[in-house]
Amino acid sequence: MARSWTPSSWQSLPAAQQPAWPQRPELDRALSQVNSFPPLVFAGEARSLQASLAQVVAGNAFLLQAGDCAESFDEFSANNIREKLRVILQMAVVLTYSMGVPVVKVGRMAGQFAKPRSSDTEMIGDLSIASFRGYIVNDPAATIEARTPNPERLVQAYHQSASTLNLLRAFTKGGFADLNRVHEWTQEFVGSSPEGQRYESIASEIERALQFMRACGVDTENNPSLHQVDVYTSHEALILEYEEALTRQDSLTGGWYDCSAHMLWIGERTRQLDGAHIEFLRGVGNPVGCKVGPGTSSDWVLELCQTLNPARIPGRLTLISRMGADNVEQELRPLLRAVHEAGHPVVWACDPMHGNTFTDPSGHKTRHFDSIIAEIAGFVRAHKAEGTWPGGIHIELTGEDVTECLGGADDLTSADLSTRYETVCDPRLNARQSLDLAFRVAELIRVSAGH
């Protein structure tokens, strides 16, 4: 018999990766403020996303989940949001056109502020200070004061998320995503690159298709599906008190929804079956995800599926594998087989970033583009072998021309990393590398499907 759930029932269980807030009264004040604010997203939107993800489960759509490793208070601007959205839309156009299925677009945006850490403290010279846990908790500056968790940041995170969502809704519904303007999405610095030219070629084909539709009497100017897109938001549900403060009861269904984002996921460090994070997310109505790393047993995954989606609702649960390029096939195949045979309707997505991170001799944490592609290729091969659908990718990227990941079309080397290494946490693909990746993913899945 499953124990009863409330938005606060997680508090009776061990909660990993929670900040050591210094003053409880200040924290309670900040949480009370957040709790009094309007929801950031609505239950009906979360249900729409779940319906779209159900199409991914059926093999009739593909999930593109992408955005910052960790959003910043300092780098927050309309330009940054627009450029990140532009890259996601460009990737979605490439995937949709090349694979022939709709792409469900979910941004790591408007709430991806918190980061889990392997240690509570770090040494800066002779000084031991608290680790940086993301802008929602503390500041990256290497001082004791900056690293002291500050509850006021919870309120700031809410306001920045609200502003980001406002812009996303304006861009996606206000003409920025218009397929008639697909050429205008190409950034100048992509224009001269090989993948930029491939993108231009697809844009020209889409334009010709629209001209053909108009010639046949189809009104392309007033068709909403050609002018507007749905882009949903997601983040790792790490700071549970913040998530609880934004949990609301839906007036239509009576169900509880975490209204901080459309989709929430649990990371590799907080996915204890008897822990607070799984307890919290099992009770909210949002689509939820869970990272699955190397060494995960089939029995554990089946218990996770039963805990987070006992009613077996398609689109409710996404399993995000992060195995590393060398391990993905052998590690993933037994899990795919077990979940499929047990009849659990899950989305399988590939996070090819986190299992392929290393520290370069230059001292920068980085990833190589070839390893990222290799993990996706292994992910696709594993699904082909087991007769299941490789449902999506989960990528850390930015719209800026950064130099954080090696390789790609520009063949970035160790010497290039220091040119524009700007991430506050993990290395991200830049716009050119992201677009290149979209073409490669589409080719891998097309070839696997025999198209």
Protein backbone atom coordinates (compact mmCIF):
# COMPACT_ATOMS: atom_id res chain seq x y z
CA MET A 1 0.00 0.00 0.00
CA ALA A 2 1.61 3.30 -1.11
CA ARG A 3 1.97 5.81 1.69
CA SER A 4 -0.08 9.00 1.39
CA TRP A 5 1.56 11.99 -0.29
CA THR A 6 1.47 15.69 0.52
CA PRO A 7 3.66 18.51 -0.84
CA SER A 8 5.66 18.32 2.41
CA SER A 9 5.83 14.53 2.88
CA TRP A 10 9.38 14.56 1.49
CA GLN A 11 10.50 16.33 4.67
CA SER A 12 10.39 13.09 6.66
CA LEU A 13 13.01 11.49 4.39
CA PRO A 14 16.74 12.11 3.89
CA ALA A 15 17.25 14.95 1.36
CA ALA A 16 20.61 14.99 -0.43
CA GLN A 17 22.29 18.09 -1.84
CA GLN A 18 20.34 20.66 0.21
CA PRO A 19 22.09 23.95 1.09
CA ALA A 20 23.15 24.68 4.66
CA TRP A 21 21.01 27.81 5.04
CA PRO A 22 22.44 29.92 7.90
CA GLN A 23 19.25 31.54 9.27
CA ARG A 24 15.95 29.66 9.40
CA PRO A 25 13.75 32.77 9.93
CA GLU A 26 15.20 34.37 6.76
CA LEU A 27 14.64 31.16 4.81
CA ASP A 28 11.05 30.88 6.04
CA ARG A 29 10.41 34.50 5.04
CA ALA A 30 11.76 33.93 1.51
CA LEU A 31 9.80 30.68 1.06
CA SER A 32 6.63 32.38 2.31
CA GLN A 33 7.14 35.08 -0.31
CA VAL A 34 7.65 32.56 -3.11
CA ASN A 35 4.60 30.63 -1.93
CA SER A 36 2.49 33.81 -2.15
CA PHE A 37 3.51 34.51 -5.77
CA PRO A 38 1.48 33.36 -8.80
CA PRO A 39 2.43 30.01 -10.38
CA LEU A 40 5.12 30.26 -13.07
CA VAL A 41 3.42 27.64 -15.26
CA PHE A 42 -0.03 26.10 -15.24
CA ALA A 43 -1.30 22.57 -14.77
CA GLY A 44 -2.96 22.54 -18.18
CA GLU A 45 0.40 23.34 -19.85
CA ALA A 46 2.06 20.47 -17.98
CA ARG A 47 -0.71 18.14 -19.19
CA SER A 48 -0.18 19.34 -22.79
CA LEU A 49 3.52 18.51 -22.49
CA GLN A 50 2.66 15.07 -21.12
CA ALA A 51 0.37 14.43 -24.10
CA SER A 52 3.21 15.40 -26.47
CA LEU A 53 5.64 13.15 -24.60
CA ALA A 54 3.11 10.31 -24.95
CA GLN A 55 3.66 10.67 -28.70
CA VAL A 56 7.39 10.24 -28.10
CA VAL A 57 6.68 7.03 -26.14
CA ALA A 58 4.73 5.76 -29.17
CA GLY A 59 7.65 6.52 -31.49
CA ASN A 60 5.73 9.29 -33.26
CA ALA A 61 7.74 12.27 -31.97
CA PHE A 62 11.22 13.19 -30.68
CA LEU A 63 12.23 15.07 -27.51
CA LEU A 64 14.78 17.90 -27.70
CA GLN A 65 15.64 19.02 -24.17
CA ALA A 66 18.33 21.70 -24.24
CA GLY A 67 19.67 24.81 -22.57
CA ASP A 68 22.12 26.08 -20.00
CA CYS A 69 24.01 23.86 -17.58
CA ALA A 70 23.12 26.47 -14.94
CA GLU A 71 21.40 29.79 -15.49
CA SER A 72 23.15 32.89 -14.21
CA PHE A 73 21.86 36.02 -12.46
CA ASP A 74 24.80 37.98 -13.92
CA GLU A 75 24.37 36.96 -17.58
CA PHE A 76 20.59 37.42 -17.65
CA SER A 77 19.42 39.38 -20.71
CA ALA A 78 16.82 39.29 -23.47
CA ASN A 79 19.59 38.69 -26.02
CA ASN A 80 20.86 35.59 -24.22
CA ILE A 81 17.36 34.14 -23.99
CA ARG A 82 16.62 34.91 -27.64
CA GLU A 83 19.87 33.38 -28.92
CA LYS A 84 19.41 30.22 -26.83
CA LEU A 85 15.84 29.89 -28.09
CA ARG A 86 16.99 30.48 -31.66
CA VAL A 87 19.45 27.57 -31.47
CA ILE A 88 16.80 25.27 -30.00
CA LEU A 89 14.37 26.24 -32.79
CA GLN A 90 17.05 25.74 -35.45
CA MET A 91 17.88 22.29 -34.08
CA ALA A 92 14.17 21.42 -33.98
CA VAL A 93 13.71 22.45 -37.64
CA VAL A 94 16.65 20.26 -38.68
CA LEU A 95 15.36 17.29 -36.65
CA THR A 96 11.74 17.68 -37.77
CA TYR A 97 12.61 18.10 -41.45
CA SER A 98 15.23 15.34 -41.50
CA MET A 99 13.39 12.76 -39.37
CA GLY A 100 9.81 13.50 -40.43
CA VAL A 101 8.37 13.54 -36.89
CA PRO A 102 7.32 16.43 -34.61
CA VAL A 103 9.93 17.61 -32.12
CA VAL A 104 8.85 18.27 -28.52
CA LYS A 105 10.90 21.30 -27.42
CA VAL A 106 11.80 21.55 -23.72
CA GLY A 107 14.26 24.19 -22.54
CA ARG A 108 16.61 23.90 -19.57
CA MET A 109 15.46 27.44 -18.89
CA ALA A 110 13.46 29.64 -16.49
CA GLY A 111 14.50 27.72 -13.37
CA GLN A 112 17.75 25.78 -13.99
CA PHE A 113 19.65 27.60 -11.24
CA ALA A 114 20.71 24.92 -8.75
CA LYS A 115 23.65 22.54 -9.19
CA PRO A 116 24.51 19.40 -7.19
CA ARG A 117 28.12 19.18 -6.00
CA SER A 118 30.40 16.26 -5.13
CA SER A 119 31.59 18.06 -1.99
CA ASP A 120 30.03 20.62 0.38
CA THR A 121 33.28 22.63 0.47
CA GLU A 122 36.28 23.41 -1.72
CA MET A 123 39.77 24.73 -1.06
CA ILE A 124 40.70 28.13 -2.51
CA GLY A 125 44.37 28.42 -1.62
CA ASP A 126 44.46 27.76 2.14
CA LEU A 127 40.82 28.76 2.59
CA SER A 128 38.00 26.19 2.88
CA ILE A 129 34.75 27.71 1.57
CA ALA A 130 31.29 26.39 0.69
CA SER A 131 30.95 24.99 -2.84
CA PHE A 132 29.04 27.04 -5.41
CA ARG A 133 25.58 25.46 -5.65
CA GLY A 134 24.11 27.70 -8.34
CA TYR A 135 22.83 31.26 -8.29
CA ILE A 136 19.65 30.26 -6.46
CA VAL A 137 21.83 29.44 -3.41
CA ASN A 138 25.07 31.46 -3.44
CA ASP A 139 27.52 33.42 -5.59
CA PRO A 140 30.47 31.91 -7.53
CA ALA A 141 32.95 34.52 -6.20
CA ALA A 142 35.59 32.74 -4.11
CA THR A 143 34.95 34.36 -0.71
CA ILE A 144 33.29 33.06 2.45
CA GLU A 145 30.65 35.80 2.26
CA ALA A 146 29.78 35.14 -1.40
CA ARG A 147 29.49 31.40 -0.82
CA THR A 148 27.24 31.67 2.24
CA PRO A 149 23.76 30.48 1.14
CA ASN A 150 21.39 33.44 0.90
CA PRO A 151 17.60 32.76 1.00
CA GLU A 152 16.86 36.04 -0.83
CA ARG A 153 18.24 34.31 -3.92
CA LEU A 154 15.17 32.03 -3.95
CA VAL A 155 13.01 35.12 -4.50
CA GLN A 156 15.37 36.44 -7.18
CA ALA A 157 15.30 33.06 -8.95
CA TYR A 158 11.49 33.21 -9.05
CA HIS A 159 11.49 36.71 -10.57
CA GLN A 160 14.12 35.85 -13.18
CA SER A 161 12.19 32.68 -14.10
CA ALA A 162 9.01 34.75 -14.52
CA SER A 163 10.82 37.24 -16.78
CA THR A 164 12.36 34.43 -18.85
CA LEU A 165 8.99 32.71 -19.29
CA ASN A 166 7.43 36.01 -20.30
CA LEU A 167 10.02 36.44 -23.06
CA LEU A 168 9.78 32.82 -24.18
CA ARG A 169 6.00 33.11 -24.55
CA ALA A 170 6.36 36.39 -26.45
CA PHE A 171 8.96 34.95 -28.84
CA THR A 172 7.25 31.60 -29.47
CA LYS A 173 3.76 33.06 -29.96
CA GLY A 174 4.65 36.46 -31.43
CA GLY A 175 6.21 35.60 -34.79
CA PHE A 176 9.85 34.88 -33.88
CA ALA A 177 9.28 31.16 -34.56
CA ASP A 178 7.46 31.77 -37.88
CA LEU A 179 8.48 29.15 -40.44
CA ASN A 180 8.06 31.79 -43.15
CA ARG A 181 11.11 33.50 -41.58
CA VAL A 182 13.22 30.38 -41.17
CA HIS A 183 16.15 31.97 -43.09
CA GLU A 184 16.32 34.81 -40.58
CA TRP A 185 17.09 32.38 -37.76
CA THR A 186 20.55 31.74 -39.17
CA GLN A 187 23.08 33.63 -37.11
CA GLU A 188 25.79 35.47 -39.02
CA PHE A 189 28.57 33.37 -37.57
CA VAL A 190 26.83 30.18 -38.72
CA GLY A 191 26.35 31.42 -42.26
CA SER A 192 29.84 30.60 -43.53
CA SER A 193 30.24 27.24 -41.75
CA PRO A 194 29.50 23.84 -43.35
CA GLU A 195 26.53 23.09 -41.05
CA GLY A 196 25.30 26.66 -41.57
CA GLN A 197 25.19 26.02 -45.32
CA ARG A 198 23.36 22.73 -44.73
CA TYR A 199 20.85 24.60 -42.58
CA GLU A 200 20.40 27.21 -45.33
CA SER A 201 19.70 24.38 -47.77
CA ILE A 202 16.95 22.99 -45.49
CA ALA A 203 15.56 26.52 -45.02
CA SER A 204 15.34 26.90 -48.83
CA GLU A 205 13.54 23.56 -49.15
CA ILE A 206 11.04 24.59 -46.45
CA GLU A 207 10.50 27.89 -48.27
CA ARG A 208 9.80 26.05 -51.52
CA ALA A 209 7.36 23.73 -49.71
CA LEU A 210 5.51 26.76 -48.29
CA GLN A 211 5.37 28.34 -51.78
CA PHE A 212 3.92 25.08 -53.12
CA MET A 213 1.29 25.04 -50.35
CA ARG A 214 0.34 28.65 -51.13
CA ALA A 215 0.10 27.81 -54.83
CA CYS A 216 -2.29 24.99 -53.94
CA GLY A 217 -4.51 27.45 -52.08
CA VAL A 218 -3.36 26.74 -48.52
CA ASP A 219 -3.41 29.89 -46.38
CA THR A 220 0.11 29.71 -44.86
CA GLU A 221 -0.09 33.26 -43.52
CA ASN A 222 -2.89 32.53 -41.07
CA ASN A 223 -2.07 28.96 -40.05
CA PRO A 224 -1.00 29.08 -36.36
CA SER A 225 1.06 25.88 -36.63
CA LEU A 226 3.40 27.64 -39.08
CA HIS A 227 3.78 30.79 -36.95
CA GLN A 228 3.80 29.60 -33.35
CA VAL A 229 5.53 26.84 -31.42
CA ASP A 230 5.27 25.38 -27.94
CA VAL A 231 8.49 25.53 -25.94
CA TYR A 232 8.19 24.08 -22.46
CA THR A 233 10.50 24.66 -19.49
CA SER A 234 12.32 22.21 -17.24
CA HIS A 235 14.96 22.07 -14.54
CA GLU A 236 16.46 19.71 -12.01
CA ALA A 237 14.19 19.73 -8.95
CA LEU A 238 17.05 20.07 -6.48
CA ILE A 239 16.11 22.65 -3.82
CA LEU A 240 13.03 20.92 -2.46
CA GLU A 241 11.81 23.75 -0.21
CA TYR A 242 11.65 26.05 -3.26
CA GLU A 243 9.81 23.39 -5.29
CA GLU A 244 7.32 22.82 -2.46
CA ALA A 245 6.70 26.58 -2.20
CA LEU A 246 5.61 26.61 -5.86
CA THR A 247 3.43 23.49 -5.66
CA ARG A 248 -0.26 24.23 -6.20
CA GLN A 249 -3.49 22.23 -6.27
CA ASP A 250 -5.13 22.31 -9.71
CA SER A 251 -8.66 23.70 -9.51
CA LEU A 252 -9.83 21.52 -12.44
CA THR A 253 -8.55 18.09 -11.40
CA GLY A 254 -7.67 18.48 -7.71
CA GLY A 255 -4.20 17.12 -8.48
CA TRP A 256 -0.99 18.74 -7.25
CA TYR A 257 1.45 20.34 -9.72
CA ASP A 258 4.90 21.81 -9.20
CA CYS A 259 4.30 25.14 -10.95
CA SER A 260 7.98 26.11 -11.10
CA ALA A 261 8.34 24.37 -14.51
CA HIS A 262 6.43 22.16 -16.93
CA MET A 263 8.84 19.25 -16.40
CA LEU A 264 11.14 18.42 -13.48
CA TRP A 265 13.92 15.88 -13.30
CA ILE A 266 15.95 14.09 -10.62
CA GLY A 267 19.72 13.98 -11.02
CA GLU A 268 22.20 11.15 -10.58
CA ARG A 269 23.13 12.31 -7.06
CA THR A 270 19.58 12.58 -5.69
CA ARG A 271 17.78 9.54 -7.12
CA GLN A 272 17.60 7.45 -3.93
CA LEU A 273 14.43 5.35 -3.99
CA ASP A 274 13.93 6.00 -0.27
CA GLY A 275 14.99 9.65 -0.55
CA ALA A 276 13.19 12.98 -0.47
CA HIS A 277 13.52 13.88 -4.16
CA ILE A 278 11.75 10.80 -5.50
CA GLU A 279 9.16 11.14 -2.73
CA PHE A 280 8.41 14.72 -3.76
CA LEU A 281 8.19 14.11 -7.50
CA ARG A 282 6.07 10.96 -7.22
CA GLY A 283 3.16 13.11 -6.03
CA VAL A 284 3.14 15.98 -8.54
CA GLY A 285 1.22 15.75 -11.80
CA ASN A 286 3.99 17.16 -14.01
CA PRO A 287 5.95 15.03 -16.45
CA VAL A 288 9.09 13.98 -14.58
CA GLY A 289 12.51 12.70 -15.59
CA CYS A 290 15.32 10.82 -13.90
CA LYS A 291 18.98 10.56 -14.87
CA VAL A 292 20.27 6.99 -15.18
CA GLY A 293 24.04 6.47 -15.01
CA PRO A 294 26.42 3.52 -15.45
CA GLY A 295 26.07 0.68 -12.96
CA THR A 296 22.28 1.09 -12.69
CA SER A 297 20.52 -2.26 -12.31
CA SER A 298 17.39 -3.34 -14.16
CA ASP A 299 15.66 -4.05 -10.84
CA TRP A 300 16.34 -0.50 -9.66
CA VAL A 301 14.96 1.02 -12.88
CA LEU A 302 11.82 -1.10 -12.67
CA GLU A 303 11.26 -0.03 -9.06
CA LEU A 304 11.78 3.60 -10.10
CA CYS A 305 9.19 3.25 -12.89
CA GLN A 306 6.71 1.71 -10.45
CA THR A 307 7.31 4.47 -7.88
CA LEU A 308 7.15 7.47 -10.23
CA ASN A 309 4.53 6.15 -12.67
CA PRO A 310 2.47 3.38 -10.99
CA ALA A 311 -0.53 4.13 -13.24
CA ARG A 312 1.71 3.65 -16.32
CA ILE A 313 0.62 6.89 -17.95
CA PRO A 314 2.46 7.42 -21.28
CA GLY A 315 4.51 10.62 -21.20
CA ARG A 316 4.63 10.85 -17.41
CA LEU A 317 8.19 9.47 -17.04
CA THR A 318 11.35 10.17 -19.04
CA LEU A 319 14.50 8.16 -18.32
CA ILE A 320 17.62 10.13 -19.28
CA SER A 321 20.64 7.88 -19.76
CA ARG A 322 24.11 9.34 -19.10
CA MET A 323 26.44 6.40 -19.50
CA GLY A 324 29.56 7.73 -21.24
CA ALA A 325 30.50 6.93 -24.84
CA ASP A 326 32.42 3.76 -23.92
CA ASN A 327 29.68 2.23 -21.76
CA VAL A 328 26.39 3.20 -23.31
CA GLU A 329 25.54 0.12 -25.39
CA GLN A 330 26.41 -2.56 -22.84
CA GLU A 331 24.93 -0.61 -19.92
CA LEU A 332 21.73 0.51 -21.64
CA ARG A 333 20.55 -2.62 -23.44
CA PRO A 334 19.57 -4.63 -20.33
CA LEU A 335 17.62 -1.61 -19.01
CA LEU A 336 15.78 -1.08 -22.31
CA ARG A 337 14.87 -4.77 -22.40
CA ALA A 338 13.66 -4.89 -18.79
CA VAL A 339 11.51 -1.75 -19.04
CA HIS A 340 10.05 -2.83 -22.39
CA GLU A 341 9.23 -6.36 -21.19
CA ALA A 342 7.61 -4.98 -18.02
CA GLY A 343 5.38 -2.73 -20.15
CA HIS A 344 6.39 0.60 -18.64
CA PRO A 345 5.61 3.42 -21.16
CA VAL A 346 8.69 5.64 -20.77
CA VAL A 347 10.49 8.18 -22.96
CA TRP A 348 14.15 7.23 -23.33
CA ALA A 349 16.41 10.24 -23.83
CA CYS A 350 20.20 10.43 -24.11
CA ASP A 351 22.29 12.90 -22.09
CA PRO A 352 25.64 12.57 -23.92
CA MET A 353 27.25 15.41 -21.95
CA HIS A 354 27.72 14.35 -18.34
CA GLY A 355 29.32 10.96 -18.91
CA ASN A 356 31.98 12.45 -21.17
CA THR A 357 33.33 15.31 -19.05
CA PHE A 358 37.05 15.55 -18.27
CA THR A 359 39.63 18.14 -17.24
CA ASP A 360 41.82 19.24 -20.13
CA PRO A 361 45.59 19.76 -19.59
CA SER A 362 44.80 23.49 -19.82
CA GLY A 363 42.87 23.09 -16.54
CA HIS A 364 39.42 23.61 -18.09
CA LYS A 365 36.60 21.14 -17.55
CA THR A 366 35.50 20.17 -21.07
CA ARG A 367 33.86 17.59 -23.34
CA HIS A 368 34.85 16.48 -26.83
CA PHE A 369 32.25 16.78 -29.58
CA ASP A 370 33.26 13.36 -30.99
CA SER A 371 32.57 11.67 -27.62
CA ILE A 372 29.17 13.37 -27.41
CA ILE A 373 28.27 12.06 -30.88
CA ALA A 374 29.71 8.63 -30.03
CA GLU A 375 27.43 8.30 -27.00
CA ILE A 376 24.36 9.26 -29.05
CA ALA A 377 25.40 6.73 -31.73
CA GLY A 378 25.70 4.00 -29.07
CA PHE A 379 22.33 5.04 -27.63
CA VAL A 380 20.72 4.69 -31.08
CA ARG A 381 22.41 1.30 -31.69
CA ALA A 382 21.21 -0.01 -28.32
CA HIS A 383 17.63 0.95 -29.16
CA LYS A 384 17.85 -0.62 -32.61
CA ALA A 385 19.12 -3.86 -31.07
CA GLU A 386 16.25 -3.94 -28.54
CA GLY A 387 13.52 -2.78 -30.95
CA THR A 388 12.77 0.39 -28.95
CA TRP A 389 12.55 4.07 -29.92
CA PRO A 390 15.52 6.38 -29.17
CA GLY A 391 13.15 9.09 -28.03
CA GLY A 392 15.28 12.17 -27.46
CA ILE A 393 18.44 14.01 -26.50
CA HIS A 394 19.24 16.13 -23.42
CA ILE A 395 21.91 18.72 -24.24
CA GLU A 396 23.72 21.58 -22.49
CA LEU A 397 24.14 24.45 -24.95
CA THR A 398 24.21 28.20 -25.36
CA GLY A 399 23.45 30.58 -28.21
CA GLU A 400 26.75 32.38 -27.56
CA ASP A 401 29.95 31.76 -29.52
CA VAL A 402 31.72 30.17 -26.54
CA THR A 403 34.74 27.85 -26.60
CA GLU A 404 33.93 25.28 -23.90
CA CYS A 405 33.69 21.93 -25.75
CA LEU A 406 36.48 20.58 -27.96
CA GLY A 407 36.05 19.56 -31.60
CA GLY A 408 33.02 20.15 -33.79
CA ALA A 409 32.96 21.85 -37.17
CA ASP A 410 35.43 24.53 -35.99
CA ASP A 411 37.69 21.81 -34.54
CA LEU A 412 38.23 23.66 -31.27
CA THR A 413 41.46 22.61 -29.58
CA SER A 414 42.85 22.80 -26.06
CA ALA A 415 44.49 26.11 -26.99
CA ASP A 416 41.07 27.58 -27.93
CA LEU A 417 39.31 26.85 -24.61
CA SER A 418 40.49 29.99 -22.85
CA THR A 419 39.21 32.27 -25.68
CA ARG A 420 35.59 32.36 -24.44
CA TYR A 421 35.19 29.92 -21.56
CA GLU A 422 32.20 31.51 -19.80
CA THR A 423 30.15 28.75 -18.15
CA VAL A 424 29.45 28.99 -14.41
CA CYS A 425 29.55 25.20 -14.12
CA ASP A 426 29.71 22.65 -16.96
CA PRO A 427 31.02 23.13 -20.53
CA ARG A 428 28.30 23.81 -23.12
CA LEU A 429 28.07 23.35 -26.87
CA ASN A 430 28.07 26.62 -28.81
CA ALA A 431 25.53 27.42 -31.53
CA ARG A 432 27.62 25.94 -34.37
CA GLN A 433 28.32 22.73 -32.49
CA SER A 434 24.63 22.43 -31.50
CA LEU A 435 23.44 22.72 -35.09
CA ASP A 436 26.07 20.24 -36.24
CA LEU A 437 24.84 17.85 -33.54
CA ALA A 438 21.23 18.13 -34.77
CA PHE A 439 22.27 17.06 -38.29
CA ARG A 440 24.31 14.15 -36.91
CA VAL A 441 21.47 12.95 -34.65
CA ALA A 442 18.96 13.07 -37.50
CA GLU A 443 21.33 11.04 -39.72
CA LEU A 444 21.99 8.45 -37.00
CA ILE A 445 18.28 7.88 -36.36
CA ARG A 446 17.37 7.90 -40.07
CA VAL A 447 20.03 5.29 -40.84
CA SER A 448 18.99 3.20 -37.82
CA ALA A 449 15.36 3.27 -38.96
CA GLY A 450 16.43 2.29 -42.47
CA HIS A 451 15.18 5.51 -44.11
